[in-house]
Amino acid sequence: MNLESITLVRHGMTEWASSGRHTSVTDVELTAEGRKDAQALRDPLMAMGPFDGVYSSPKLRALRTALLAGYAVPELSPGLREWGYGRYEGLTTAEIRGRIPTWNIFRCGAPGGESLDAVSARCDELLREWDEKGHRHVLCFAHGDILRALATRWLGLELRFGEHLHLDPGSISRLG
């Protein structure tokens, strides 16, 4: 495998993220705090570079984070869209657990959304694609659960392991 490192950046804070609402297909903007946090990513990311592949989810919150962090032309990658929450879109974990006390996206998926197998396959395809392009150091701007899933697959683990990972809005994680 050519791919030596993947740097994961979770988009900055949004109103939905601050209230704990699951957001996949709903396109929400960064809050003022989220924009400030995204701008603060510039220097740490520049110090980690250069990257030979820079990708962003097509969702506004991820793309805006990339732009504010100094990456004016990331390649939009539909594979980096957030895990499809289906009927859980807009609900908080507490609301979902009120119905299913042991619910966790990495164990249960989401009704009407993406299955664990589908998300795992999507992550595997991204890793394969980046490797086939000859990338060695990839930077991607995306969302909490898809980045946790991508990290899990990079490690060669089952998707369930993702429940043990945590990514705050506006955070940087590097796998290598």
N, C-alpha and C. Protein backbone atom coordinates (compact mmCIF):
# COMPACT_ATOMS: atom_id res chain seq x y z
N MET A 1 0.84 -1.18 0.00
CA MET A 1 0.00 0.00 0.00
C MET A 1 0.88 1.24 0.00
N ASN A 2 0.58 2.19 -0.89
CA ASN A 2 1.31 3.46 -0.97
C ASN A 2 0.94 4.42 0.15
N LEU A 3 -0.29 4.33 0.59
CA LEU A 3 -0.85 5.29 1.54
C LEU A 3 -0.15 5.17 2.90
N GLU A 4 0.58 6.21 3.28
CA GLU A 4 1.33 6.22 4.53
C GLU A 4 0.59 6.91 5.67
N SER A 5 -0.17 7.95 5.34
CA SER A 5 -0.89 8.67 6.40
C SER A 5 -2.19 9.25 5.86
N ILE A 6 -3.14 9.35 6.75
CA ILE A 6 -4.40 10.04 6.47
C ILE A 6 -4.61 11.01 7.63
N THR A 7 -4.82 12.26 7.29
CA THR A 7 -5.13 13.27 8.30
C THR A 7 -6.61 13.57 8.20
N LEU A 8 -7.31 13.34 9.30
CA LEU A 8 -8.76 13.49 9.36
C LEU A 8 -9.10 14.79 10.05
N VAL A 9 -9.94 15.60 9.42
CA VAL A 9 -10.39 16.85 10.03
C VAL A 9 -11.91 16.83 10.08
N ARG A 10 -12.43 16.88 11.29
CA ARG A 10 -13.88 16.99 11.43
C ARG A 10 -14.26 18.46 11.27
N HIS A 11 -15.33 18.68 10.55
CA HIS A 11 -15.78 20.06 10.32
C HIS A 11 -15.97 20.80 11.64
N GLY A 12 -15.98 22.12 11.55
CA GLY A 12 -16.19 22.96 12.72
C GLY A 12 -17.60 22.82 13.28
N MET A 13 -17.84 23.46 14.38
CA MET A 13 -19.11 23.38 15.09
C MET A 13 -20.27 23.92 14.24
N THR A 14 -21.39 23.20 14.33
CA THR A 14 -22.66 23.65 13.74
C THR A 14 -23.69 23.71 14.86
N GLU A 15 -24.83 24.33 14.59
CA GLU A 15 -25.88 24.35 15.61
C GLU A 15 -26.35 22.94 15.93
N TRP A 16 -26.47 22.10 14.91
CA TRP A 16 -26.92 20.73 15.15
C TRP A 16 -25.90 19.96 15.96
N ALA A 17 -24.61 20.12 15.65
CA ALA A 17 -23.58 19.41 16.40
C ALA A 17 -23.57 19.88 17.86
N SER A 18 -23.75 21.18 18.08
CA SER A 18 -23.71 21.68 19.45
C SER A 18 -24.88 21.16 20.29
N SER A 19 -25.98 20.82 19.63
CA SER A 19 -27.13 20.27 20.36
C SER A 19 -27.16 18.74 20.31
N GLY A 20 -26.15 18.13 19.67
CA GLY A 20 -26.07 16.67 19.63
C GLY A 20 -26.98 16.01 18.61
N ARG A 21 -27.52 16.79 17.67
CA ARG A 21 -28.42 16.23 16.67
C ARG A 21 -27.62 15.56 15.56
N HIS A 22 -28.03 14.37 15.18
CA HIS A 22 -27.36 13.63 14.10
C HIS A 22 -27.68 14.28 12.76
N THR A 23 -26.63 14.60 12.02
CA THR A 23 -26.77 15.36 10.78
C THR A 23 -26.05 14.64 9.66
N SER A 24 -26.80 14.11 8.71
CA SER A 24 -26.15 13.52 7.53
C SER A 24 -26.56 14.29 6.29
N VAL A 25 -27.79 14.15 5.84
CA VAL A 25 -28.22 14.77 4.59
C VAL A 25 -28.59 16.24 4.76
N THR A 26 -28.92 16.68 5.96
CA THR A 26 -29.26 18.08 6.19
C THR A 26 -27.98 18.90 6.08
N ASP A 27 -28.01 19.94 5.24
CA ASP A 27 -26.81 20.73 5.01
C ASP A 27 -26.87 21.98 5.89
N VAL A 28 -26.13 21.96 6.98
CA VAL A 28 -26.12 23.08 7.93
C VAL A 28 -24.79 23.82 7.85
N GLU A 29 -24.84 25.09 8.15
CA GLU A 29 -23.67 25.97 8.09
C GLU A 29 -22.92 25.93 9.43
N LEU A 30 -21.67 26.31 9.39
CA LEU A 30 -20.87 26.44 10.61
C LEU A 30 -21.39 27.61 11.44
N THR A 31 -21.26 27.49 12.75
CA THR A 31 -21.55 28.61 13.64
C THR A 31 -20.35 29.56 13.62
N ALA A 32 -20.48 30.70 14.26
CA ALA A 32 -19.34 31.63 14.37
C ALA A 32 -18.17 30.92 15.05
N GLU A 33 -18.46 30.14 16.09
CA GLU A 33 -17.41 29.37 16.76
C GLU A 33 -16.78 28.37 15.80
N GLY A 34 -17.60 27.71 14.98
CA GLY A 34 -17.10 26.74 14.01
C GLY A 34 -16.20 27.38 12.97
N ARG A 35 -16.55 28.57 12.53
CA ARG A 35 -15.71 29.29 11.55
C ARG A 35 -14.37 29.67 12.18
N LYS A 36 -14.42 30.12 13.42
CA LYS A 36 -13.18 30.49 14.14
C LYS A 36 -12.29 29.26 14.32
N ASP A 37 -12.88 28.14 14.73
CA ASP A 37 -12.12 26.90 14.91
C ASP A 37 -11.52 26.42 13.59
N ALA A 38 -12.27 26.55 12.51
CA ALA A 38 -11.77 26.13 11.19
C ALA A 38 -10.55 26.96 10.78
N GLN A 39 -10.61 28.27 11.02
CA GLN A 39 -9.47 29.13 10.71
C GLN A 39 -8.25 28.75 11.54
N ALA A 40 -8.49 28.31 12.77
CA ALA A 40 -7.38 27.94 13.66
C ALA A 40 -6.69 26.64 13.22
N LEU A 41 -7.30 25.90 12.31
CA LEU A 41 -6.69 24.67 11.80
C LEU A 41 -5.56 24.94 10.81
N ARG A 42 -5.54 26.12 10.23
CA ARG A 42 -4.60 26.43 9.14
C ARG A 42 -3.15 26.14 9.50
N ASP A 43 -2.64 26.73 10.56
CA ASP A 43 -1.22 26.57 10.90
C ASP A 43 -0.86 25.12 11.25
N PRO A 44 -1.64 24.43 12.10
CA PRO A 44 -1.29 23.03 12.38
C PRO A 44 -1.31 22.15 11.13
N LEU A 45 -2.27 22.37 10.24
CA LEU A 45 -2.32 21.55 9.02
C LEU A 45 -1.17 21.87 8.08
N MET A 46 -0.83 23.13 7.95
CA MET A 46 0.30 23.51 7.09
C MET A 46 1.59 22.88 7.62
N ALA A 47 1.73 22.79 8.94
CA ALA A 47 2.91 22.18 9.54
C ALA A 47 2.96 20.67 9.29
N MET A 48 1.79 20.04 9.10
CA MET A 48 1.74 18.59 8.86
C MET A 48 1.96 18.24 7.39
N GLY A 49 1.72 19.17 6.50
CA GLY A 49 1.79 18.91 5.06
C GLY A 49 3.22 18.74 4.60
N PRO A 50 3.41 18.59 3.31
CA PRO A 50 2.40 18.70 2.27
C PRO A 50 1.59 17.40 2.12
N PHE A 51 0.40 17.57 1.56
CA PHE A 51 -0.49 16.44 1.27
C PHE A 51 -0.58 16.28 -0.23
N ASP A 52 -0.57 15.04 -0.69
CA ASP A 52 -0.69 14.83 -2.14
C ASP A 52 -2.12 14.49 -2.57
N GLY A 53 -3.03 14.51 -1.61
CA GLY A 53 -4.44 14.38 -1.89
C GLY A 53 -5.21 15.13 -0.82
N VAL A 54 -6.04 16.09 -1.24
CA VAL A 54 -6.85 16.86 -0.29
C VAL A 54 -8.31 16.70 -0.72
N TYR A 55 -9.12 16.14 0.16
CA TYR A 55 -10.51 15.80 -0.15
C TYR A 55 -11.45 16.40 0.88
N SER A 56 -12.67 16.67 0.42
CA SER A 56 -13.71 17.16 1.32
C SER A 56 -15.03 16.49 0.99
N SER A 57 -15.81 16.27 2.01
CA SER A 57 -17.21 15.91 1.81
C SER A 57 -17.84 17.07 1.04
N PRO A 58 -18.84 16.78 0.21
CA PRO A 58 -19.49 17.87 -0.51
C PRO A 58 -20.42 18.72 0.37
N LYS A 59 -20.66 18.33 1.61
CA LYS A 59 -21.54 19.09 2.48
C LYS A 59 -20.88 20.42 2.88
N LEU A 60 -21.70 21.46 2.94
CA LEU A 60 -21.24 22.82 3.19
C LEU A 60 -20.36 22.92 4.42
N ARG A 61 -20.73 22.26 5.50
CA ARG A 61 -19.97 22.39 6.76
C ARG A 61 -18.55 21.87 6.63
N ALA A 62 -18.35 20.80 5.86
CA ALA A 62 -17.00 20.26 5.66
C ALA A 62 -16.22 21.11 4.66
N LEU A 63 -16.86 21.47 3.56
CA LEU A 63 -16.18 22.28 2.55
C LEU A 63 -15.79 23.64 3.11
N ARG A 64 -16.68 24.27 3.87
CA ARG A 64 -16.36 25.57 4.46
C ARG A 64 -15.18 25.43 5.43
N THR A 65 -15.13 24.34 6.17
CA THR A 65 -13.99 24.11 7.08
C THR A 65 -12.70 24.04 6.28
N ALA A 66 -12.71 23.29 5.18
CA ALA A 66 -11.52 23.19 4.32
C ALA A 66 -11.09 24.56 3.81
N LEU A 67 -12.04 25.33 3.33
CA LEU A 67 -11.72 26.66 2.79
C LEU A 67 -11.14 27.58 3.86
N LEU A 68 -11.76 27.60 5.02
CA LEU A 68 -11.28 28.46 6.11
C LEU A 68 -9.94 28.01 6.66
N ALA A 69 -9.63 26.73 6.50
CA ALA A 69 -8.34 26.19 6.96
C ALA A 69 -7.24 26.41 5.93
N GLY A 70 -7.60 27.01 4.79
CA GLY A 70 -6.57 27.35 3.80
C GLY A 70 -6.49 26.42 2.60
N TYR A 71 -7.45 25.55 2.42
CA TYR A 71 -7.44 24.61 1.29
C TYR A 71 -8.56 25.01 0.32
N ALA A 72 -8.20 25.86 -0.64
CA ALA A 72 -9.18 26.49 -1.52
C ALA A 72 -9.80 25.54 -2.54
N VAL A 73 -9.11 24.48 -2.90
CA VAL A 73 -9.65 23.59 -3.94
C VAL A 73 -9.54 22.12 -3.56
N PRO A 74 -10.16 21.71 -2.46
CA PRO A 74 -10.15 20.28 -2.17
C PRO A 74 -11.01 19.55 -3.19
N GLU A 75 -10.66 18.32 -3.47
CA GLU A 75 -11.49 17.50 -4.37
C GLU A 75 -12.72 17.04 -3.57
N LEU A 76 -13.90 17.30 -4.11
CA LEU A 76 -15.11 16.87 -3.44
C LEU A 76 -15.27 15.37 -3.61
N SER A 77 -15.47 14.68 -2.51
CA SER A 77 -15.58 13.22 -2.52
C SER A 77 -16.90 12.80 -1.88
N PRO A 78 -17.85 12.33 -2.70
CA PRO A 78 -19.11 11.85 -2.13
C PRO A 78 -18.91 10.72 -1.12
N GLY A 79 -17.80 9.99 -1.23
CA GLY A 79 -17.51 8.92 -0.28
C GLY A 79 -17.27 9.41 1.13
N LEU A 80 -16.99 10.71 1.29
CA LEU A 80 -16.76 11.29 2.61
C LEU A 80 -18.02 11.89 3.23
N ARG A 81 -19.17 11.70 2.55
CA ARG A 81 -20.41 12.21 3.15
C ARG A 81 -20.65 11.47 4.47
N GLU A 82 -21.42 12.10 5.35
CA GLU A 82 -21.67 11.50 6.66
C GLU A 82 -22.50 10.23 6.52
N TRP A 83 -22.34 9.34 7.49
CA TRP A 83 -23.14 8.11 7.59
C TRP A 83 -24.60 8.51 7.46
N GLY A 84 -25.34 7.83 6.59
CA GLY A 84 -26.75 8.14 6.40
C GLY A 84 -27.57 7.71 7.61
N TYR A 85 -28.14 8.69 8.34
CA TYR A 85 -28.87 8.39 9.57
C TYR A 85 -30.33 8.00 9.36
N GLY A 86 -30.82 8.11 8.13
CA GLY A 86 -32.19 7.69 7.86
C GLY A 86 -33.19 8.35 8.79
N ARG A 87 -34.01 7.54 9.44
CA ARG A 87 -35.06 8.07 10.32
C ARG A 87 -34.50 8.71 11.60
N TYR A 88 -33.22 8.57 11.83
CA TYR A 88 -32.61 9.20 13.01
C TYR A 88 -32.05 10.59 12.70
N GLU A 89 -32.16 11.04 11.47
CA GLU A 89 -31.70 12.38 11.08
C GLU A 89 -32.37 13.43 11.99
N GLY A 90 -31.56 14.29 12.59
CA GLY A 90 -32.07 15.36 13.42
C GLY A 90 -32.33 14.98 14.87
N LEU A 91 -32.27 13.69 15.19
CA LEU A 91 -32.48 13.25 16.57
C LEU A 91 -31.15 13.24 17.32
N THR A 92 -31.23 13.34 18.64
CA THR A 92 -30.03 13.21 19.47
C THR A 92 -29.88 11.75 19.89
N THR A 93 -28.70 11.39 20.33
CA THR A 93 -28.47 10.03 20.83
C THR A 93 -29.40 9.73 21.99
N ALA A 94 -29.61 10.70 22.88
CA ALA A 94 -30.51 10.49 24.02
C ALA A 94 -31.93 10.19 23.55
N GLU A 95 -32.40 10.88 22.53
CA GLU A 95 -33.75 10.62 22.00
C GLU A 95 -33.84 9.21 21.42
N ILE A 96 -32.81 8.81 20.70
CA ILE A 96 -32.81 7.46 20.10
C ILE A 96 -32.74 6.41 21.21
N ARG A 97 -31.89 6.65 22.20
CA ARG A 97 -31.77 5.69 23.30
C ARG A 97 -33.02 5.64 24.18
N GLY A 98 -33.86 6.65 24.10
CA GLY A 98 -35.15 6.59 24.76
C GLY A 98 -36.03 5.49 24.17
N ARG A 99 -35.77 5.17 22.92
CA ARG A 99 -36.50 4.10 22.22
C ARG A 99 -35.74 2.78 22.26
N ILE A 100 -34.41 2.88 22.07
CA ILE A 100 -33.54 1.69 22.03
C ILE A 100 -32.36 1.98 22.96
N PRO A 101 -32.43 1.57 24.22
CA PRO A 101 -31.44 1.96 25.23
C PRO A 101 -29.99 1.63 24.89
N THR A 102 -29.74 0.59 24.12
CA THR A 102 -28.36 0.20 23.82
C THR A 102 -27.88 0.69 22.45
N TRP A 103 -28.63 1.62 21.85
CA TRP A 103 -28.29 2.05 20.49
C TRP A 103 -26.93 2.70 20.40
N ASN A 104 -26.21 2.35 19.35
CA ASN A 104 -24.96 2.99 18.95
C ASN A 104 -24.88 2.80 17.45
N ILE A 105 -24.57 3.85 16.71
CA ILE A 105 -24.53 3.78 15.24
C ILE A 105 -23.58 2.68 14.77
N PHE A 106 -22.48 2.44 15.51
CA PHE A 106 -21.48 1.46 15.09
C PHE A 106 -21.89 0.02 15.40
N ARG A 107 -22.94 -0.15 16.15
CA ARG A 107 -23.47 -1.49 16.42
C ARG A 107 -24.79 -1.74 15.72
N CYS A 108 -25.59 -0.68 15.59
CA CYS A 108 -26.98 -0.85 15.16
C CYS A 108 -27.30 -0.23 13.81
N GLY A 109 -26.46 0.68 13.32
CA GLY A 109 -26.82 1.39 12.11
C GLY A 109 -28.03 2.29 12.37
N ALA A 110 -28.77 2.59 11.30
CA ALA A 110 -29.93 3.48 11.44
C ALA A 110 -31.02 3.03 10.48
N PRO A 111 -32.25 2.88 10.97
CA PRO A 111 -33.33 2.45 10.09
C PRO A 111 -33.57 3.50 8.99
N GLY A 112 -33.67 3.01 7.77
CA GLY A 112 -33.85 3.91 6.64
C GLY A 112 -32.57 4.60 6.23
N GLY A 113 -31.48 4.29 6.90
CA GLY A 113 -30.18 4.89 6.58
C GLY A 113 -29.22 3.83 6.08
N GLU A 114 -27.95 4.07 6.29
CA GLU A 114 -26.93 3.15 5.79
C GLU A 114 -26.63 2.04 6.80
N SER A 115 -26.41 0.87 6.28
CA SER A 115 -26.04 -0.27 7.11
C SER A 115 -24.55 -0.20 7.43
N LEU A 116 -24.15 -0.96 8.42
CA LEU A 116 -22.73 -1.07 8.75
C LEU A 116 -21.94 -1.58 7.56
N ASP A 117 -22.48 -2.58 6.86
CA ASP A 117 -21.77 -3.14 5.69
C ASP A 117 -21.58 -2.09 4.61
N ALA A 118 -22.60 -1.27 4.37
CA ALA A 118 -22.51 -0.24 3.32
C ALA A 118 -21.45 0.80 3.67
N VAL A 119 -21.43 1.23 4.93
CA VAL A 119 -20.45 2.23 5.35
C VAL A 119 -19.04 1.64 5.32
N SER A 120 -18.89 0.41 5.77
CA SER A 120 -17.59 -0.25 5.73
C SER A 120 -17.09 -0.36 4.29
N ALA A 121 -17.95 -0.75 3.38
CA ALA A 121 -17.57 -0.88 1.96
C ALA A 121 -17.20 0.49 1.38
N ARG A 122 -17.93 1.53 1.76
CA ARG A 122 -17.63 2.88 1.26
C ARG A 122 -16.24 3.32 1.74
N CYS A 123 -15.92 3.06 2.99
CA CYS A 123 -14.59 3.41 3.52
C CYS A 123 -13.49 2.62 2.83
N ASP A 124 -13.72 1.33 2.65
CA ASP A 124 -12.74 0.49 1.97
C ASP A 124 -12.49 0.99 0.55
N GLU A 125 -13.55 1.43 -0.13
CA GLU A 125 -13.42 1.95 -1.49
C GLU A 125 -12.60 3.24 -1.50
N LEU A 126 -12.82 4.12 -0.54
CA LEU A 126 -12.02 5.35 -0.46
C LEU A 126 -10.54 5.02 -0.28
N LEU A 127 -10.24 4.13 0.63
CA LEU A 127 -8.84 3.74 0.87
C LEU A 127 -8.21 3.13 -0.38
N ARG A 128 -8.95 2.29 -1.05
CA ARG A 128 -8.47 1.65 -2.29
C ARG A 128 -8.23 2.71 -3.37
N GLU A 129 -9.18 3.63 -3.52
CA GLU A 129 -9.07 4.69 -4.52
C GLU A 129 -7.83 5.55 -4.28
N TRP A 130 -7.62 5.96 -3.03
CA TRP A 130 -6.47 6.80 -2.72
C TRP A 130 -5.16 6.05 -2.95
N ASP A 131 -5.14 4.78 -2.62
CA ASP A 131 -3.95 3.98 -2.85
C ASP A 131 -3.68 3.82 -4.35
N GLU A 132 -4.73 3.55 -5.13
CA GLU A 132 -4.57 3.40 -6.58
C GLU A 132 -4.10 4.68 -7.24
N LYS A 133 -4.46 5.83 -6.68
CA LYS A 133 -3.99 7.12 -7.21
C LYS A 133 -2.54 7.38 -6.83
N GLY A 134 -1.97 6.51 -6.02
CA GLY A 134 -0.59 6.67 -5.60
C GLY A 134 -0.39 7.67 -4.48
N HIS A 135 -1.46 8.06 -3.81
CA HIS A 135 -1.34 9.01 -2.70
C HIS A 135 -0.55 8.37 -1.57
N ARG A 136 0.26 9.20 -0.94
CA ARG A 136 0.99 8.77 0.25
C ARG A 136 0.48 9.48 1.49
N HIS A 137 0.07 10.74 1.34
CA HIS A 137 -0.38 11.54 2.48
C HIS A 137 -1.67 12.26 2.09
N VAL A 138 -2.77 11.80 2.66
CA VAL A 138 -4.10 12.33 2.32
C VAL A 138 -4.63 13.18 3.47
N LEU A 139 -5.27 14.27 3.11
CA LEU A 139 -5.97 15.13 4.06
C LEU A 139 -7.44 15.11 3.68
N CYS A 140 -8.31 14.84 4.66
CA CYS A 140 -9.74 14.86 4.33
C CYS A 140 -10.54 15.61 5.39
N PHE A 141 -11.48 16.40 4.89
CA PHE A 141 -12.39 17.19 5.70
C PHE A 141 -13.76 16.53 5.61
N ALA A 142 -14.30 16.12 6.75
CA ALA A 142 -15.57 15.41 6.69
C ALA A 142 -16.27 15.49 8.05
N HIS A 143 -16.95 14.42 8.40
CA HIS A 143 -17.90 14.39 9.52
C HIS A 143 -17.48 13.32 10.54
N GLY A 144 -17.98 13.48 11.75
CA GLY A 144 -17.55 12.65 12.87
C GLY A 144 -17.66 11.15 12.66
N ASP A 145 -18.84 10.65 12.29
CA ASP A 145 -19.00 9.20 12.23
C ASP A 145 -18.33 8.58 11.01
N ILE A 146 -18.36 9.27 9.87
CA ILE A 146 -17.69 8.68 8.70
C ILE A 146 -16.17 8.69 8.91
N LEU A 147 -15.64 9.71 9.57
CA LEU A 147 -14.20 9.72 9.84
C LEU A 147 -13.81 8.64 10.84
N ARG A 148 -14.66 8.40 11.83
CA ARG A 148 -14.40 7.31 12.78
C ARG A 148 -14.44 5.97 12.06
N ALA A 149 -15.39 5.82 11.15
CA ALA A 149 -15.48 4.58 10.36
C ALA A 149 -14.26 4.43 9.47
N LEU A 150 -13.82 5.50 8.84
CA LEU A 150 -12.64 5.46 7.97
C LEU A 150 -11.39 5.08 8.78
N ALA A 151 -11.25 5.66 9.96
CA ALA A 151 -10.11 5.32 10.83
C ALA A 151 -10.13 3.84 11.19
N THR A 152 -11.31 3.34 11.50
CA THR A 152 -11.46 1.93 11.87
C THR A 152 -11.04 1.01 10.72
N ARG A 153 -11.50 1.34 9.51
CA ARG A 153 -11.15 0.50 8.35
C ARG A 153 -9.67 0.65 8.01
N TRP A 154 -9.09 1.83 8.16
CA TRP A 154 -7.65 2.04 7.95
C TRP A 154 -6.86 1.10 8.86
N LEU A 155 -7.35 0.93 10.09
CA LEU A 155 -6.69 0.05 11.06
C LEU A 155 -6.95 -1.43 10.77
N GLY A 156 -7.84 -1.71 9.80
CA GLY A 156 -8.15 -3.10 9.46
C GLY A 156 -9.10 -3.76 10.45
N LEU A 157 -9.86 -2.95 11.18
CA LEU A 157 -10.77 -3.48 12.19
C LEU A 157 -12.21 -3.46 11.70
N GLU A 158 -13.05 -4.23 12.38
CA GLU A 158 -14.47 -4.18 12.08
C GLU A 158 -15.01 -2.81 12.46
N LEU A 159 -16.05 -2.40 11.76
CA LEU A 159 -16.62 -1.08 11.97
C LEU A 159 -17.03 -0.84 13.42
N ARG A 160 -17.42 -1.88 14.13
CA ARG A 160 -17.86 -1.72 15.53
C ARG A 160 -16.83 -1.02 16.41
N PHE A 161 -15.57 -1.16 16.06
CA PHE A 161 -14.53 -0.51 16.86
C PHE A 161 -14.68 1.01 16.88
N GLY A 162 -15.32 1.57 15.87
CA GLY A 162 -15.48 3.02 15.77
C GLY A 162 -16.16 3.66 16.96
N GLU A 163 -16.95 2.89 17.69
CA GLU A 163 -17.63 3.47 18.86
C GLU A 163 -16.63 3.86 19.95
N HIS A 164 -15.41 3.37 19.87
CA HIS A 164 -14.39 3.69 20.86
C HIS A 164 -13.57 4.93 20.50
N LEU A 165 -13.82 5.47 19.32
CA LEU A 165 -13.09 6.66 18.86
C LEU A 165 -13.97 7.88 19.06
N HIS A 166 -13.34 9.02 19.21
CA HIS A 166 -14.09 10.26 19.39
C HIS A 166 -13.39 11.38 18.63
N LEU A 167 -14.17 12.17 17.90
CA LEU A 167 -13.63 13.31 17.16
C LEU A 167 -14.48 14.53 17.47
N ASP A 168 -13.91 15.53 18.07
CA ASP A 168 -14.62 16.77 18.35
C ASP A 168 -14.73 17.62 17.09
N PRO A 169 -15.74 18.48 17.00
CA PRO A 169 -15.80 19.41 15.88
C PRO A 169 -14.53 20.25 15.82
N GLY A 170 -14.03 20.45 14.61
CA GLY A 170 -12.84 21.25 14.43
C GLY A 170 -11.56 20.58 14.88
N SER A 171 -11.57 19.24 14.98
CA SER A 171 -10.38 18.53 15.45
C SER A 171 -9.59 17.91 14.30
N ILE A 172 -8.33 17.65 14.58
CA ILE A 172 -7.42 17.00 13.63
C ILE A 172 -6.97 15.68 14.25
N SER A 173 -7.02 14.62 13.44
CA SER A 173 -6.49 13.31 13.86
C SER A 173 -5.63 12.79 12.71
N ARG A 174 -4.49 12.21 13.05
CA ARG A 174 -3.61 11.71 12.00
C ARG A 174 -3.38 10.22 12.20
N LEU A 175 -3.58 9.48 11.11
CA LEU A 175 -3.32 8.04 11.10
C LEU A 175 -2.09 7.81 10.25
N GLY A 176 -1.19 6.99 10.73
CA GLY A 176 0.00 6.72 9.94
C GLY A 176 0.75 5.54 10.46
